[in-house]
C-alpha atoms as a PDB file:
ATOM      1  CA  MET A   1     130.328 157.739  -1.898  1.00  0.00           C
ATOM      2  CA  LYS A   2     127.949 154.817  -1.489  1.00  0.00           C
ATOM      3  CA  ARG A   3     130.206 153.336   1.197  1.00  0.00           C
ATOM      4  CA  LYS A   4     130.211 156.610   3.141  1.00  0.00           C
ATOM      5  CA  ILE A   5     126.431 156.939   2.913  1.00  0.00           C
ATOM      6  CA  ASN A   6     126.018 153.406   4.253  1.00  0.00           C
ATOM      7  CA  GLN A   7     128.477 154.242   7.036  1.00  0.00           C
ATOM      8  CA  TYR A   8     126.472 157.388   7.865  1.00  0.00           C
ATOM      9  CA  ILE A   9     123.260 155.362   8.116  1.00  0.00           C
ATOM     10  CA  GLN A  10     124.870 152.590  10.190  1.00  0.00           C
ATOM     11  CA  THR A  11     126.412 155.125  12.563  1.00  0.00           C
ATOM     12  CA  TRP A  12     123.062 156.755  13.243  1.00  0.00           C
ATOM     13  CA  LEU A  13     121.319 153.390  13.593  1.00  0.00           C
ATOM     14  CA  GLY A  14     123.749 152.666  16.412  1.00  0.00           C
ATOM     15  CA  HIS A  15     122.933 156.000  18.080  1.00  0.00           C
ATOM     16  CA  GLY A  16     119.302 155.320  18.850  1.00  0.00           C
ATOM     17  CA  TYR A  17     117.525 154.951  15.514  1.00  0.00           C
ATOM     18  CA  PRO A  18     116.812 151.177  15.447  1.00  0.00           C
ATOM     19  CA  ASP A  19     113.827 151.631  13.099  1.00  0.00           C
ATOM     20  CA  GLY A  20     115.901 153.589  10.588  1.00  0.00           C
ATOM     21  CA  ILE A  21     116.676 157.237  10.153  1.00  0.00           C
ATOM     22  CA  PRO A  22     113.752 159.541   9.321  1.00  0.00           C
ATOM     23  CA  ASP A  23     113.067 161.030   5.918  1.00  0.00           C
ATOM     24  CA  GLU A  24     113.394 164.512   7.376  1.00  0.00           C
ATOM     25  CA  ALA A  25     114.286 166.085  10.697  1.00  0.00           C
ATOM     26  CA  ASP A  26     114.413 169.581  12.104  1.00  0.00           C
ATOM     27  CA  PRO A  27     116.390 171.624   9.521  1.00  0.00           C
ATOM     28  CA  VAL A  28     118.444 173.344  12.214  1.00  0.00           C
ATOM     29  CA  LEU A  29     119.506 170.025  13.748  1.00  0.00           C
ATOM     30  CA  GLU A  30     120.267 168.619  10.292  1.00  0.00           C
ATOM     31  CA  SER A  31     122.522 171.551   9.433  1.00  0.00           C
ATOM     32  CA  LEU A  32     124.442 171.067  12.695  1.00  0.00           C
ATOM     33  CA  ASN A  33     124.761 167.299  12.045  1.00  0.00           C
ATOM     34  CA  LYS A  34     122.862 166.620  15.279  1.00  0.00           C
ATOM     35  CA  ALA A  35     120.056 164.647  13.631  1.00  0.00           C
ATOM     36  CA  PRO A  36     120.146 162.307  10.637  1.00  0.00           C
ATOM     37  CA  SER A  37     117.790 162.276   7.695  1.00  0.00           C
ATOM     38  CA  TYR A  38     117.542 161.034   4.170  1.00  0.00           C
ATOM     39  CA  ARG A  39     116.879 164.650   3.179  1.00  0.00           C
ATOM     40  CA  ALA A  40     120.410 165.544   4.345  1.00  0.00           C
ATOM     41  CA  ILE A  41     121.817 162.700   2.232  1.00  0.00           C
ATOM     42  CA  CYS A  42     119.861 163.903  -0.807  1.00  0.00           C
ATOM     43  CA  ARG A  43     121.072 167.470  -0.305  1.00  0.00           C
ATOM     44  CA  ALA A  44     124.683 166.303  -0.151  1.00  0.00           C
ATOM     45  CA  ILE A  45     124.236 164.379  -3.404  1.00  0.00           C
ATOM     46  CA  MET A  46     122.462 167.271  -5.121  1.00  0.00           C
ATOM     47  CA  LYS A  47     125.237 169.694  -4.064  1.00  0.00           C
ATOM     48  CA  ASN A  48     127.720 167.255  -5.621  1.00  0.00           C
ATOM     49  CA  ASP A  49     129.425 166.939  -2.246  1.00  0.00           C
ATOM     50  CA  THR A  50     131.435 163.885  -3.298  1.00  0.00           C
ATOM     51  CA  THR A  51     133.436 163.788  -0.051  1.00  0.00           C
ATOM     52  CA  LEU A  52     130.212 164.191   1.996  1.00  0.00           C
ATOM     53  CA  ILE A  53     131.609 166.942   4.178  1.00  0.00           C
ATOM     54  CA  SER A  54     128.080 168.229   4.751  1.00  0.00           C
ATOM     55  CA  LEU A  55     127.271 164.900   6.453  1.00  0.00           C
ATOM     56  CA  GLY A  56     130.193 165.238   8.841  1.00  0.00           C
ATOM     57  CA  PHE A  57     132.955 163.393   7.003  1.00  0.00           C
ATOM     58  CA  SER A  58     136.406 164.945   6.829  1.00  0.00           C
ATOM     59  CA  ARG A  59     138.288 165.890   3.700  1.00  0.00           C
ATOM     60  CA  PRO A  60     140.796 163.321   2.465  1.00  0.00           C
ATOM     61  CA  GLU A  61     144.463 164.160   2.815  1.00  0.00           C
ATOM     62  CA  CYS A  62     146.016 165.715  -0.247  1.00  0.00           C
ATOM     63  CA  ALA A  63     149.513 164.429  -1.050  1.00  0.00           C
ATOM     64  CA  ALA A  64     150.161 167.382  -3.371  1.00  0.00           C
ATOM     65  CA  TYR A  65     149.430 169.875  -0.584  1.00  0.00           C
ATOM     66  CA  ASN A  66     151.796 168.085   1.796  1.00  0.00           C
ATOM     67  CA  THR A  67     154.551 168.109  -0.832  1.00  0.00           C
ATOM     68  CA  LEU A  68     154.106 171.824  -1.522  1.00  0.00           C
ATOM     69  CA  LYS A  69     154.053 172.593   2.190  1.00  0.00           C
ATOM     70  CA  ARG A  70     157.320 170.687   2.721  1.00  0.00           C
ATOM     71  CA  ILE A  71     158.946 172.709  -0.078  1.00  0.00           C
ATOM     72  CA  GLU A  72     157.653 175.958   1.426  1.00  0.00           C
ATOM     73  CA  LEU A  73     158.984 175.102   4.900  1.00  0.00           C
ATOM     74  CA  ARG A  74     162.348 174.113   3.443  1.00  0.00           C
ATOM     75  CA  GLU A  75     162.610 177.405   1.537  1.00  0.00           C
ATOM     76  CA  ARG A  76     161.707 179.423   4.624  1.00  0.00           C
ATOM     77  CA  GLY A  77     164.370 177.612   6.629  1.00  0.00           C
ATOM     78  CA  LEU A  78     161.907 175.964   8.975  1.00  0.00           C
ATOM     79  CA  GLU A  79     162.948 172.391   8.267  1.00  0.00           C
ATOM     80  CA  THR A  80     163.471 171.598  11.942  1.00  0.00           C
ATOM     81  CA  SER A  81     160.422 173.418  13.266  1.00  0.00           C
ATOM     82  CA  ALA A  82     157.415 171.884  14.962  1.00  0.00           C
ATOM     83  CA  GLN A  83     155.404 172.628  11.804  1.00  0.00           C
ATOM     84  CA  GLN A  84     157.466 170.093   9.950  1.00  0.00           C
ATOM     85  CA  GLU A  85     155.972 167.237  11.969  1.00  0.00           C
ATOM     86  CA  PHE A  86     152.598 167.776  10.311  1.00  0.00           C
ATOM     87  CA  PHE A  87     153.880 167.398   6.766  1.00  0.00           C
ATOM     88  CA  PHE A  88     156.514 164.686   6.981  1.00  0.00           C
END
């Protein structure tokens, strides 16, 4: 989580915030991930958002989901379908 927060800060520093990101920004822009703030970081931590999705990071891939999806496609007889490419 610490690594992702540092990455978030470094990304925004490279996008025109050379003096650092502000403590707070317009709440609407924060919610749309259009403006950075330490308040947004604090909210993510307080919501226990360990993957920091609220800061714009994507969810990690789940190996268990991919395995279950492969089994489902096999049982439905769609082993050679285009859907298979996503889970193999």
